[in-house]
Amino acid sequence: MHKSFARTALLAVTAAGAMLASAPSPAKAEYPEKPVTMVIPYGPGGSHDLNARIVTSILPEYLGQPVVVRLTPGAGGQKGTQEVGRSRPDGYTLLFTSNQIDMLQPHVENVPYEPLEDFVPVVRVNYAPASIVVRADSPFETFDELVSYAQEHPGELQLGHSGNWGAFFVAAAQIMKEKDFMMNMVPYQGGGPAMQALLSGDSDMTMAFPSSLGELVESGDIRVLATAGEEPIFDGVPTFSDVGIDGDIGYMHRFILVPSETPQEVIDTLTTAFEGLFADEDFNRLMSELGENVEWLPGAEYQALREKQAQEYEVLVNELTSQ
């Protein structure tokens, strides 16, 4: 009896195991099944914040889930970047960043990540030319007047910028070196705070992107002295080349990164959603009203540009820091 009972029990267990093995496994949830967070390594009110608000207002229509903005400024962009780098590579935490934080910062500081190894691009959203800006009550009517005064009074004028080795810091350093003048450079946590410092009188000059300037130009609170880019942005305002600033100076690329271990099918889903966004009439209209272009590139194409930027920024940092 004992042997018969044991044999019967064994057969029962074996049969149960076979049934479990043959039973269909639970369906794997398709991405995305919950809201997605977009981390911005800048402070509020700057061009990244303004661009992101438009992106996240329409992208959910093509992604199928809400996209929530989280501003995480600090350490020249490293705080927000590290947060995404340490997040689960599941597509639920995106980094909306810039070329200066991504490829230039590692040449001037020991950052706690390897950008080309730890992140991959999903898409470049656009790129923006910077403008040189003063308050409307500034004594400087033109860029040449500003340069002449700065040359005669080195270090007297205050230049507020978006953070050390950020977009405005680099452009300003390049301009000062090319025009042989010096200003006292004061960092803020993003372009928004830098603009507020200018408007409050804490600085004499700043730089900004078109998305941050439209209402201030219309209200008459600021004066734009010159803009990057081959074509004028504002009526009567010269380009950098018009005032003798040559070379690739004053551009910011805005793009989405995810941790490098993110599954390709997740990246493909995000890419498809962004393709829908870029074709959306409301998105393009809102970006145009903001004063921004929509110069998008797929991740693979922007990756090639990232690698090129890494080499170029190494040369640039050596030039700017050389005595």
C-alpha atoms as a PDB file:
ATOM      1  CA  MET A   1       0.000   0.000   0.000  1.00  0.00           C
ATOM      2  CA  HIS A   2       2.770   2.352   0.828  1.00  0.00           C
ATOM      3  CA  LYS A   3       4.458   1.883  -2.572  1.00  0.00           C
ATOM      4  CA  SER A   4       1.128   2.255  -4.392  1.00  0.00           C
ATOM      5  CA  PHE A   5       0.329   5.486  -2.549  1.00  0.00           C
ATOM      6  CA  ALA A   6       3.778   6.925  -3.283  1.00  0.00           C
ATOM      7  CA  ARG A   7       3.484   6.055  -6.961  1.00  0.00           C
ATOM      8  CA  THR A   8       0.016   7.631  -7.164  1.00  0.00           C
ATOM      9  CA  ALA A   9       1.270  10.822  -5.490  1.00  0.00           C
ATOM     10  CA  LEU A  10       4.234  11.013  -7.837  1.00  0.00           C
ATOM     11  CA  LEU A  11       2.003  10.699 -10.887  1.00  0.00           C
ATOM     12  CA  ALA A  12      -0.257  13.423  -9.543  1.00  0.00           C
ATOM     13  CA  VAL A  13       2.651  15.821  -9.009  1.00  0.00           C
ATOM     14  CA  THR A  14       4.052  15.045 -12.463  1.00  0.00           C
ATOM     15  CA  ALA A  15       0.691  15.666 -14.088  1.00  0.00           C
ATOM     16  CA  ALA A  16       0.252  18.931 -12.242  1.00  0.00           C
ATOM     17  CA  GLY A  17       3.726  20.064 -13.335  1.00  0.00           C
ATOM     18  CA  ALA A  18       2.947  19.206 -16.943  1.00  0.00           C
ATOM     19  CA  MET A  19      -0.270  21.215 -16.770  1.00  0.00           C
ATOM     20  CA  LEU A  20       1.577  24.260 -15.379  1.00  0.00           C
ATOM     21  CA  ALA A  21       4.271  23.973 -18.016  1.00  0.00           C
ATOM     22  CA  SER A  22       1.728  23.804 -20.820  1.00  0.00           C
ATOM     23  CA  ALA A  23      -0.452  26.606 -19.450  1.00  0.00           C
ATOM     24  CA  PRO A  24      -0.067  29.953 -21.277  1.00  0.00           C
ATOM     25  CA  SER A  25       2.137  32.493 -19.448  1.00  0.00           C
ATOM     26  CA  PRO A  26       0.592  35.800 -18.412  1.00  0.00           C
ATOM     27  CA  ALA A  27       0.713  38.387 -21.220  1.00  0.00           C
ATOM     28  CA  LYS A  28       3.556  40.845 -20.915  1.00  0.00           C
ATOM     29  CA  ALA A  29       2.304  44.422 -20.581  1.00  0.00           C
ATOM     30  CA  GLU A  30       3.059  46.565 -23.583  1.00  0.00           C
ATOM     31  CA  TYR A  31       5.005  49.801 -23.106  1.00  0.00           C
ATOM     32  CA  PRO A  32       3.846  52.249 -21.952  1.00  0.00           C
ATOM     33  CA  GLU A  33       1.314  51.181 -19.333  1.00  0.00           C
ATOM     34  CA  LYS A  34       1.795  54.164 -16.992  1.00  0.00           C
ATOM     35  CA  PRO A  35       2.820  57.863 -17.164  1.00  0.00           C
ATOM     36  CA  VAL A  36       6.300  58.754 -18.402  1.00  0.00           C
ATOM     37  CA  THR A  37       8.547  61.307 -16.664  1.00  0.00           C
ATOM     38  CA  MET A  38      10.671  63.774 -18.643  1.00  0.00           C
ATOM     39  CA  VAL A  39      13.580  65.043 -16.531  1.00  0.00           C
ATOM     40  CA  ILE A  40      15.025  68.456 -17.443  1.00  0.00           C
ATOM     41  CA  PRO A  41      18.424  69.266 -15.882  1.00  0.00           C
ATOM     42  CA  TYR A  42      17.658  73.015 -15.869  1.00  0.00           C
ATOM     43  CA  GLY A  43      15.661  75.418 -13.722  1.00  0.00           C
ATOM     44  CA  PRO A  44      12.170  76.778 -14.463  1.00  0.00           C
ATOM     45  CA  GLY A  45      11.353  79.346 -17.120  1.00  0.00           C
ATOM     46  CA  GLY A  46      14.223  78.618 -19.502  1.00  0.00           C
ATOM     47  CA  SER A  47      14.016  77.470 -23.101  1.00  0.00           C
ATOM     48  CA  HIS A  48      14.109  73.758 -22.220  1.00  0.00           C
ATOM     49  CA  ASP A  49      11.212  74.180 -19.822  1.00  0.00           C
ATOM     50  CA  LEU A  50       9.165  76.130 -22.385  1.00  0.00           C
ATOM     51  CA  ASN A  51       9.887  73.655 -25.188  1.00  0.00           C
ATOM     52  CA  ALA A  52       9.065  70.709 -22.922  1.00  0.00           C
ATOM     53  CA  ARG A  53       5.661  72.129 -22.008  1.00  0.00           C
ATOM     54  CA  ILE A  54       4.652  72.071 -25.662  1.00  0.00           C
ATOM     55  CA  VAL A  55       6.149  68.611 -26.254  1.00  0.00           C
ATOM     56  CA  THR A  56       4.420  67.085 -23.235  1.00  0.00           C
ATOM     57  CA  SER A  57       1.072  68.712 -24.039  1.00  0.00           C
ATOM     58  CA  ILE A  58       0.793  66.811 -27.349  1.00  0.00           C
ATOM     59  CA  LEU A  59       3.127  63.787 -27.142  1.00  0.00           C
ATOM     60  CA  PRO A  60       0.639  61.795 -25.001  1.00  0.00           C
ATOM     61  CA  GLU A  61      -1.701  61.674 -28.014  1.00  0.00           C
ATOM     62  CA  TYR A  62       0.907  59.558 -29.816  1.00  0.00           C
ATOM     63  CA  LEU A  63       2.422  57.724 -26.853  1.00  0.00           C
ATOM     64  CA  GLY A  64      -0.828  56.792 -25.158  1.00  0.00           C
ATOM     65  CA  GLN A  65       0.199  57.945 -21.675  1.00  0.00           C
ATOM     66  CA  PRO A  66       0.712  61.298 -19.893  1.00  0.00           C
ATOM     67  CA  VAL A  67       4.235  62.735 -19.930  1.00  0.00           C
ATOM     68  CA  VAL A  68       5.174  64.633 -16.773  1.00  0.00           C
ATOM     69  CA  VAL A  69       7.941  67.265 -16.643  1.00  0.00           C
ATOM     70  CA  ARG A  70      10.351  67.180 -13.703  1.00  0.00           C
ATOM     71  CA  LEU A  71      12.813  70.059 -13.415  1.00  0.00           C
ATOM     72  CA  THR A  72      16.039  68.881 -11.749  1.00  0.00           C
ATOM     73  CA  PRO A  73      18.685  71.623 -11.906  1.00  0.00           C
ATOM     74  CA  GLY A  74      22.034  71.433 -10.159  1.00  0.00           C
ATOM     75  CA  ALA A  75      25.743  70.801 -10.672  1.00  0.00           C
ATOM     76  CA  GLY A  76      25.720  72.219 -14.186  1.00  0.00           C
ATOM     77  CA  GLY A  77      23.186  69.638 -15.360  1.00  0.00           C
ATOM     78  CA  GLN A  78      24.808  66.642 -13.686  1.00  0.00           C
ATOM     79  CA  LYS A  79      22.082  66.180 -11.055  1.00  0.00           C
ATOM     80  CA  GLY A  80      19.263  65.549 -13.525  1.00  0.00           C
ATOM     81  CA  THR A  81      21.490  63.559 -15.853  1.00  0.00           C
ATOM     82  CA  GLN A  82      22.642  61.267 -13.067  1.00  0.00           C
ATOM     83  CA  GLU A  83      19.054  60.782 -11.914  1.00  0.00           C
ATOM     84  CA  VAL A  84      18.073  59.413 -15.317  1.00  0.00           C
ATOM     85  CA  GLY A  85      21.282  57.402 -15.616  1.00  0.00           C
ATOM     86  CA  ARG A  86      20.455  55.615 -12.365  1.00  0.00           C
ATOM     87  CA  SER A  87      16.807  55.039 -13.250  1.00  0.00           C
ATOM     88  CA  ARG A  88      15.430  51.727 -14.490  1.00  0.00           C
ATOM     89  CA  PRO A  89      16.058  51.412 -18.248  1.00  0.00           C
ATOM     90  CA  ASP A  90      12.393  50.856 -18.997  1.00  0.00           C
ATOM     91  CA  GLY A  91      11.443  53.986 -20.933  1.00  0.00           C
ATOM     92  CA  TYR A  92       9.546  55.609 -18.077  1.00  0.00           C
ATOM     93  CA  THR A  93      12.262  58.170 -17.284  1.00  0.00           C
ATOM     94  CA  LEU A  94      13.512  60.325 -20.161  1.00  0.00           C
ATOM     95  CA  LEU A  95      16.207  63.016 -20.161  1.00  0.00           C
ATOM     96  CA  PHE A  96      15.510  66.206 -22.140  1.00  0.00           C
ATOM     97  CA  THR A  97      18.972  67.752 -22.285  1.00  0.00           C
ATOM     98  CA  SER A  98      21.424  69.744 -24.399  1.00  0.00           C
ATOM     99  CA  ASN A  99      24.722  69.245 -26.198  1.00  0.00           C
ATOM    100  CA  GLN A 100      26.633  71.326 -23.638  1.00  0.00           C
ATOM    101  CA  ILE A 101      25.575  69.186 -20.677  1.00  0.00           C
ATOM    102  CA  ASP A 102      25.847  65.973 -22.661  1.00  0.00           C
ATOM    103  CA  MET A 103      29.129  66.250 -24.549  1.00  0.00           C
ATOM    104  CA  LEU A 104      30.965  69.323 -23.250  1.00  0.00           C
ATOM    105  CA  GLN A 105      30.582  68.954 -19.478  1.00  0.00           C
ATOM    106  CA  PRO A 106      32.652  65.731 -19.276  1.00  0.00           C
ATOM    107  CA  HIS A 107      35.662  67.608 -20.677  1.00  0.00           C
ATOM    108  CA  VAL A 108      35.707  70.104 -17.812  1.00  0.00           C
ATOM    109  CA  GLU A 109      34.566  68.045 -14.809  1.00  0.00           C
ATOM    110  CA  ASN A 110      34.646  64.487 -13.528  1.00  0.00           C
ATOM    111  CA  VAL A 111      31.018  63.556 -14.097  1.00  0.00           C
ATOM    112  CA  PRO A 112      29.540  60.459 -12.404  1.00  0.00           C
ATOM    113  CA  TYR A 113      28.586  58.821 -15.714  1.00  0.00           C
ATOM    114  CA  GLU A 114      29.963  58.107 -19.193  1.00  0.00           C
ATOM    115  CA  PRO A 115      27.620  59.895 -21.622  1.00  0.00           C
ATOM    116  CA  LEU A 116      28.449  57.884 -24.751  1.00  0.00           C
ATOM    117  CA  GLU A 117      28.296  54.595 -22.848  1.00  0.00           C
ATOM    118  CA  ASP A 118      25.465  55.208 -20.391  1.00  0.00           C
ATOM    119  CA  PHE A 119      22.923  56.957 -22.642  1.00  0.00           C
ATOM    120  CA  VAL A 120      21.498  56.622 -26.132  1.00  0.00           C
ATOM    121  CA  PRO A 121      19.500  59.278 -28.003  1.00  0.00           C
ATOM    122  CA  VAL A 122      15.884  58.737 -28.994  1.00  0.00           C
ATOM    123  CA  VAL A 123      15.490  61.877 -31.070  1.00  0.00           C
ATOM    124  CA  ARG A 124      16.731  65.436 -31.443  1.00  0.00           C
ATOM    125  CA  VAL A 125      13.796  67.816 -31.134  1.00  0.00           C
ATOM    126  CA  ASN A 126      15.397  70.996 -32.491  1.00  0.00           C
ATOM    127  CA  TYR A 127      18.330  73.350 -32.164  1.00  0.00           C
ATOM    128  CA  ALA A 128      18.272  77.018 -31.226  1.00  0.00           C
ATOM    129  CA  PRO A 129      20.475  80.070 -31.860  1.00  0.00           C
ATOM    130  CA  ALA A 130      21.287  82.240 -28.847  1.00  0.00           C
ATOM    131  CA  SER A 131      20.859  86.003 -28.617  1.00  0.00           C
ATOM    132  CA  ILE A 132      22.820  88.658 -26.719  1.00  0.00           C
ATOM    133  CA  VAL A 133      20.383  90.590 -24.533  1.00  0.00           C
ATOM    134  CA  VAL A 134      20.407  93.707 -22.321  1.00  0.00           C
ATOM    135  CA  ARG A 135      17.611  95.542 -20.486  1.00  0.00           C
ATOM    136  CA  ALA A 136      15.684  98.136 -22.421  1.00  0.00           C
ATOM    137  CA  ASP A 137      17.125 100.881 -20.180  1.00  0.00           C
ATOM    138  CA  SER A 138      20.717  99.745 -20.816  1.00  0.00           C
ATOM    139  CA  PRO A 139      23.086 102.437 -22.054  1.00  0.00           C
ATOM    140  CA  PHE A 140      24.245 100.026 -24.765  1.00  0.00           C
ATOM    141  CA  GLU A 141      22.270 100.470 -27.976  1.00  0.00           C
ATOM    142  CA  THR A 142      24.474  98.151 -30.056  1.00  0.00           C
ATOM    143  CA  PHE A 143      26.766  95.173 -29.617  1.00  0.00           C
ATOM    144  CA  ASP A 144      29.783  97.290 -30.623  1.00  0.00           C
ATOM    145  CA  GLU A 145      29.011  99.800 -27.851  1.00  0.00           C
ATOM    146  CA  LEU A 146      28.879  96.972 -25.319  1.00  0.00           C
ATOM    147  CA  VAL A 147      32.192  95.538 -26.528  1.00  0.00           C
ATOM    148  CA  SER A 148      33.930  98.939 -26.527  1.00  0.00           C
ATOM    149  CA  TYR A 149      32.862  99.627 -22.934  1.00  0.00           C
ATOM    150  CA  ALA A 150      33.857  96.146 -21.766  1.00  0.00           C
ATOM    151  CA  GLN A 151      37.266  96.513 -23.394  1.00  0.00           C
ATOM    152  CA  GLU A 152      37.850  99.806 -21.570  1.00  0.00           C
ATOM    153  CA  HIS A 153      36.432  98.538 -18.244  1.00  0.00           C
ATOM    154  CA  PRO A 154      37.481  94.863 -17.943  1.00  0.00           C
ATOM    155  CA  GLY A 155      35.499  92.866 -15.392  1.00  0.00           C
ATOM    156  CA  GLU A 156      33.129  95.729 -14.528  1.00  0.00           C
ATOM    157  CA  LEU A 157      30.050  94.451 -16.334  1.00  0.00           C
ATOM    158  CA  GLN A 158      28.088  91.470 -14.996  1.00  0.00           C
ATOM    159  CA  LEU A 159      27.112  88.711 -17.438  1.00  0.00           C
ATOM    160  CA  GLY A 160      24.492  86.325 -16.054  1.00  0.00           C
ATOM    161  CA  HIS A 161      24.449  82.900 -17.684  1.00  0.00           C
ATOM    162  CA  SER A 162      22.689  79.537 -17.361  1.00  0.00           C
ATOM    163  CA  GLY A 163      25.517  77.691 -15.578  1.00  0.00           C
ATOM    164  CA  ASN A 164      29.244  77.063 -15.877  1.00  0.00           C
ATOM    165  CA  TRP A 165      30.120  75.420 -19.186  1.00  0.00           C
ATOM    166  CA  GLY A 166      26.486  75.607 -20.281  1.00  0.00           C
ATOM    167  CA  ALA A 167      25.271  76.963 -23.615  1.00  0.00           C
ATOM    168  CA  PHE A 168      25.553  80.638 -22.697  1.00  0.00           C
ATOM    169  CA  PHE A 169      28.779  80.297 -20.743  1.00  0.00           C
ATOM    170  CA  VAL A 170      30.561  78.676 -23.676  1.00  0.00           C
ATOM    171  CA  ALA A 171      29.188  81.112 -26.252  1.00  0.00           C
ATOM    172  CA  ALA A 172      30.037  84.102 -24.061  1.00  0.00           C
ATOM    173  CA  ALA A 173      33.560  82.806 -23.437  1.00  0.00           C
ATOM    174  CA  GLN A 174      34.074  82.295 -27.158  1.00  0.00           C
ATOM    175  CA  ILE A 175      32.797  85.792 -27.959  1.00  0.00           C
ATOM    176  CA  MET A 176      34.934  87.458 -25.280  1.00  0.00           C
ATOM    177  CA  LYS A 177      38.014  85.636 -26.491  1.00  0.00           C
ATOM    178  CA  GLU A 178      37.365  86.531 -30.121  1.00  0.00           C
ATOM    179  CA  LYS A 179      36.599  90.202 -29.340  1.00  0.00           C
ATOM    180  CA  ASP A 180      39.263  90.550 -26.624  1.00  0.00           C
ATOM    181  CA  PHE A 181      37.164  91.812 -23.724  1.00  0.00           C
ATOM    182  CA  MET A 182      36.288  90.582 -20.252  1.00  0.00           C
ATOM    183  CA  MET A 183      33.064  90.540 -18.238  1.00  0.00           C
ATOM    184  CA  ASN A 184      32.369  89.114 -14.796  1.00  0.00           C
ATOM    185  CA  MET A 185      30.465  85.884 -15.510  1.00  0.00           C
ATOM    186  CA  VAL A 186      27.838  84.946 -12.895  1.00  0.00           C
ATOM    187  CA  PRO A 187      26.187  81.484 -13.059  1.00  0.00           C
ATOM    188  CA  TYR A 188      22.492  80.820 -12.451  1.00  0.00           C
ATOM    189  CA  GLN A 189      20.543  77.556 -12.481  1.00  0.00           C
ATOM    190  CA  GLY A 190      19.230  77.887 -16.012  1.00  0.00           C
ATOM    191  CA  GLY A 191      18.312  80.502 -18.578  1.00  0.00           C
ATOM    192  CA  GLY A 192      15.105  81.501 -16.771  1.00  0.00           C
ATOM    193  CA  PRO A 193      16.846  82.563 -13.540  1.00  0.00           C
ATOM    194  CA  ALA A 194      19.583  84.286 -15.591  1.00  0.00           C
ATOM    195  CA  MET A 195      16.931  86.342 -17.409  1.00  0.00           C
ATOM    196  CA  GLN A 196      15.259  87.259 -14.118  1.00  0.00           C
ATOM    197  CA  ALA A 197      18.635  88.457 -12.818  1.00  0.00           C
ATOM    198  CA  LEU A 198      18.952  90.712 -15.851  1.00  0.00           C
ATOM    199  CA  LEU A 199      15.436  92.132 -15.481  1.00  0.00           C
ATOM    200  CA  SER A 200      15.937  92.778 -11.757  1.00  0.00           C
ATOM    201  CA  GLY A 201      19.189  94.651 -12.391  1.00  0.00           C
ATOM    202  CA  ASP A 202      21.513  92.040 -10.882  1.00  0.00           C
ATOM    203  CA  SER A 203      23.357  91.678 -14.185  1.00  0.00           C
ATOM    204  CA  ASP A 204      24.076  93.870 -17.194  1.00  0.00           C
ATOM    205  CA  MET A 205      23.744  91.288 -19.925  1.00  0.00           C
ATOM    206  CA  THR A 206      22.641  87.735 -20.561  1.00  0.00           C
ATOM    207  CA  MET A 207      22.019  85.399 -23.461  1.00  0.00           C
ATOM    208  CA  ALA A 208      18.761  83.676 -24.328  1.00  0.00           C
ATOM    209  CA  PHE A 209      17.004  81.589 -26.956  1.00  0.00           C
ATOM    210  CA  PRO A 210      14.026  82.726 -29.072  1.00  0.00           C
ATOM    211  CA  SER A 211      11.483  80.874 -26.943  1.00  0.00           C
ATOM    212  CA  SER A 212      12.444  83.025 -23.948  1.00  0.00           C
ATOM    213  CA  LEU A 213      12.432  86.368 -25.762  1.00  0.00           C
ATOM    214  CA  GLY A 214       9.189  86.869 -27.664  1.00  0.00           C
ATOM    215  CA  GLU A 215       7.031  88.414 -24.924  1.00  0.00           C
ATOM    216  CA  LEU A 216       9.949  90.388 -23.478  1.00  0.00           C
ATOM    217  CA  VAL A 217      10.735  91.915 -26.867  1.00  0.00           C
ATOM    218  CA  GLU A 218       7.070  92.777 -27.451  1.00  0.00           C
ATOM    219  CA  SER A 219       6.716  94.304 -23.973  1.00  0.00           C
ATOM    220  CA  GLY A 220       9.835  96.410 -24.485  1.00  0.00           C
ATOM    221  CA  ASP A 221      11.584  95.054 -21.379  1.00  0.00           C
ATOM    222  CA  ILE A 222      14.737  93.981 -23.205  1.00  0.00           C
ATOM    223  CA  ARG A 223      16.921  94.907 -26.144  1.00  0.00           C
ATOM    224  CA  VAL A 224      18.476  92.233 -28.360  1.00  0.00           C
ATOM    225  CA  LEU A 225      21.919  93.262 -29.622  1.00  0.00           C
ATOM    226  CA  ALA A 226      22.842  90.298 -31.849  1.00  0.00           C
ATOM    227  CA  THR A 227      21.738  86.741 -32.624  1.00  0.00           C
ATOM    228  CA  ALA A 228      23.468  83.538 -33.696  1.00  0.00           C
ATOM    229  CA  GLY A 229      22.421  81.919 -36.946  1.00  0.00           C
ATOM    230  CA  GLU A 230      22.787  82.718 -40.606  1.00  0.00           C
ATOM    231  CA  GLU A 231      19.482  84.584 -40.862  1.00  0.00           C
ATOM    232  CA  PRO A 232      18.179  87.481 -38.693  1.00  0.00           C
ATOM    233  CA  ILE A 233      15.637  86.479 -36.068  1.00  0.00           C
ATOM    234  CA  PHE A 234      14.412  89.929 -35.046  1.00  0.00           C
ATOM    235  CA  ASP A 235      13.884  92.901 -37.350  1.00  0.00           C
ATOM    236  CA  GLY A 236      16.819  95.272 -37.297  1.00  0.00           C
ATOM    237  CA  VAL A 237      18.978  93.001 -35.113  1.00  0.00           C
ATOM    238  CA  PRO A 238      22.299  91.882 -36.656  1.00  0.00           C
ATOM    239  CA  THR A 239      23.544  88.293 -36.689  1.00  0.00           C
ATOM    240  CA  PHE A 240      26.788  87.251 -35.040  1.00  0.00           C
ATOM    241  CA  SER A 241      28.505  87.227 -38.420  1.00  0.00           C
ATOM    242  CA  ASP A 242      27.261  90.787 -39.036  1.00  0.00           C
ATOM    243  CA  VAL A 243      29.118  91.967 -35.908  1.00  0.00           C
ATOM    244  CA  GLY A 244      32.286  90.001 -36.679  1.00  0.00           C
ATOM    245  CA  ILE A 245      31.722  86.820 -34.652  1.00  0.00           C
ATOM    246  CA  ASP A 246      32.736  83.888 -36.828  1.00  0.00           C
ATOM    247  CA  GLY A 247      32.454  80.136 -36.417  1.00  0.00           C
ATOM    248  CA  ASP A 248      29.897  77.742 -34.926  1.00  0.00           C
ATOM    249  CA  ILE A 249      29.037  79.810 -31.847  1.00  0.00           C
ATOM    250  CA  GLY A 250      25.813  80.072 -29.882  1.00  0.00           C
ATOM    251  CA  TYR A 251      23.798  76.949 -30.760  1.00  0.00           C
ATOM    252  CA  MET A 252      21.958  74.563 -28.445  1.00  0.00           C
ATOM    253  CA  HIS A 253      20.692  71.142 -29.547  1.00  0.00           C
ATOM    254  CA  ARG A 254      17.725  69.816 -27.554  1.00  0.00           C
ATOM    255  CA  PHE A 255      17.197  66.054 -27.502  1.00  0.00           C
ATOM    256  CA  ILE A 256      15.873  63.047 -25.610  1.00  0.00           C
ATOM    257  CA  LEU A 257      18.208  60.479 -24.024  1.00  0.00           C
ATOM    258  CA  VAL A 258      17.423  57.214 -22.256  1.00  0.00           C
ATOM    259  CA  PRO A 259      19.698  54.796 -20.359  1.00  0.00           C
ATOM    260  CA  SER A 260      21.697  52.692 -22.821  1.00  0.00           C
ATOM    261  CA  GLU A 261      20.204  49.398 -21.567  1.00  0.00           C
ATOM    262  CA  THR A 262      16.686  50.474 -22.535  1.00  0.00           C
ATOM    263  CA  PRO A 263      15.126  47.739 -24.742  1.00  0.00           C
ATOM    264  CA  GLN A 264      15.094  48.544 -28.441  1.00  0.00           C
ATOM    265  CA  GLU A 265      11.355  47.929 -28.682  1.00  0.00           C
ATOM    266  CA  VAL A 266      10.797  50.655 -26.075  1.00  0.00           C
ATOM    267  CA  ILE A 267      13.047  53.066 -27.981  1.00  0.00           C
ATOM    268  CA  ASP A 268      11.154  52.204 -31.177  1.00  0.00           C
ATOM    269  CA  THR A 269       7.844  53.000 -29.486  1.00  0.00           C
ATOM    270  CA  LEU A 270       9.166  56.349 -28.293  1.00  0.00           C
ATOM    271  CA  THR A 271      10.590  57.123 -31.736  1.00  0.00           C
ATOM    272  CA  THR A 272       7.267  56.390 -33.416  1.00  0.00           C
ATOM    273  CA  ALA A 273       5.463  58.637 -30.923  1.00  0.00           C
ATOM    274  CA  PHE A 274       7.885  61.502 -31.596  1.00  0.00           C
ATOM    275  CA  GLU A 275       7.487  61.050 -35.349  1.00  0.00           C
ATOM    276  CA  GLY A 276       3.768  61.550 -34.854  1.00  0.00           C
ATOM    277  CA  LEU A 277       4.466  64.610 -32.728  1.00  0.00           C
ATOM    278  CA  PHE A 278       6.704  66.220 -35.347  1.00  0.00           C
ATOM    279  CA  ALA A 279       4.017  65.792 -38.009  1.00  0.00           C
ATOM    280  CA  ASP A 280       1.328  67.255 -35.758  1.00  0.00           C
ATOM    281  CA  GLU A 281      -0.029  70.603 -36.993  1.00  0.00           C
ATOM    282  CA  ASP A 282      -0.757  71.936 -33.500  1.00  0.00           C
ATOM    283  CA  PHE A 283       2.738  71.069 -32.305  1.00  0.00           C
ATOM    284  CA  ASN A 284       4.383  72.833 -35.234  1.00  0.00           C
ATOM    285  CA  ARG A 285       2.121  75.860 -34.801  1.00  0.00           C
ATOM    286  CA  LEU A 286       2.855  76.156 -31.085  1.00  0.00           C
ATOM    287  CA  MET A 287       6.599  75.793 -31.633  1.00  0.00           C
ATOM    288  CA  SER A 288       6.481  78.498 -34.302  1.00  0.00           C
ATOM    289  CA  GLU A 289       4.556  80.796 -31.950  1.00  0.00           C
ATOM    290  CA  LEU A 290       7.233  80.136 -29.332  1.00  0.00           C
ATOM    291  CA  GLY A 291       9.868  81.205 -31.850  1.00  0.00           C
ATOM    292  CA  GLU A 292      11.438  77.761 -32.094  1.00  0.00           C
ATOM    293  CA  ASN A 293      12.207  75.512 -35.055  1.00  0.00           C
ATOM    294  CA  VAL A 294      11.433  71.795 -35.338  1.00  0.00           C
ATOM    295  CA  GLU A 295      14.703  70.426 -36.721  1.00  0.00           C
ATOM    296  CA  TRP A 296      14.350  66.822 -35.604  1.00  0.00           C
ATOM    297  CA  LEU A 297      16.797  63.979 -36.166  1.00  0.00           C
ATOM    298  CA  PRO A 298      16.304  60.271 -35.387  1.00  0.00           C
ATOM    299  CA  GLY A 299      18.448  58.809 -32.629  1.00  0.00           C
ATOM    300  CA  ALA A 300      20.998  57.079 -34.873  1.00  0.00           C
ATOM    301  CA  GLU A 301      21.727  60.266 -36.810  1.00  0.00           C
ATOM    302  CA  TYR A 302      22.033  62.328 -33.667  1.00  0.00           C
ATOM    303  CA  GLN A 303      24.324  59.713 -32.131  1.00  0.00           C
ATOM    304  CA  ALA A 304      26.796  60.311 -34.967  1.00  0.00           C
ATOM    305  CA  LEU A 305      26.585  64.047 -34.247  1.00  0.00           C
ATOM    306  CA  ARG A 306      27.124  63.433 -30.504  1.00  0.00           C
ATOM    307  CA  GLU A 307      30.361  61.584 -31.227  1.00  0.00           C
ATOM    308  CA  LYS A 308      31.527  64.428 -33.465  1.00  0.00           C
ATOM    309  CA  GLN A 309      30.625  66.983 -30.776  1.00  0.00           C
ATOM    310  CA  ALA A 310      32.636  65.072 -28.177  1.00  0.00           C
ATOM    311  CA  GLN A 311      35.783  65.497 -30.259  1.00  0.00           C
ATOM    312  CA  GLU A 312      35.097  69.134 -31.123  1.00  0.00           C
ATOM    313  CA  TYR A 313      34.373  70.105 -27.507  1.00  0.00           C
ATOM    314  CA  GLU A 314      37.625  68.607 -26.320  1.00  0.00           C
ATOM    315  CA  VAL A 315      39.451  70.947 -28.700  1.00  0.00           C
ATOM    316  CA  LEU A 316      37.238  73.899 -27.691  1.00  0.00           C
ATOM    317  CA  VAL A 317      37.799  73.413 -23.954  1.00  0.00           C
ATOM    318  CA  ASN A 318      41.572  73.263 -24.502  1.00  0.00           C
ATOM    319  CA  GLU A 319      41.388  76.515 -26.475  1.00  0.00           C
ATOM    320  CA  LEU A 320      39.232  78.345 -23.917  1.00  0.00           C
ATOM    321  CA  THR A 321      41.318  77.240 -20.944  1.00  0.00           C
ATOM    322  CA  SER A 322      44.716  77.839 -22.520  1.00  0.00           C
ATOM    323  CA  GLN A 323      46.690  80.726 -21.158  1.00  0.00           C
END
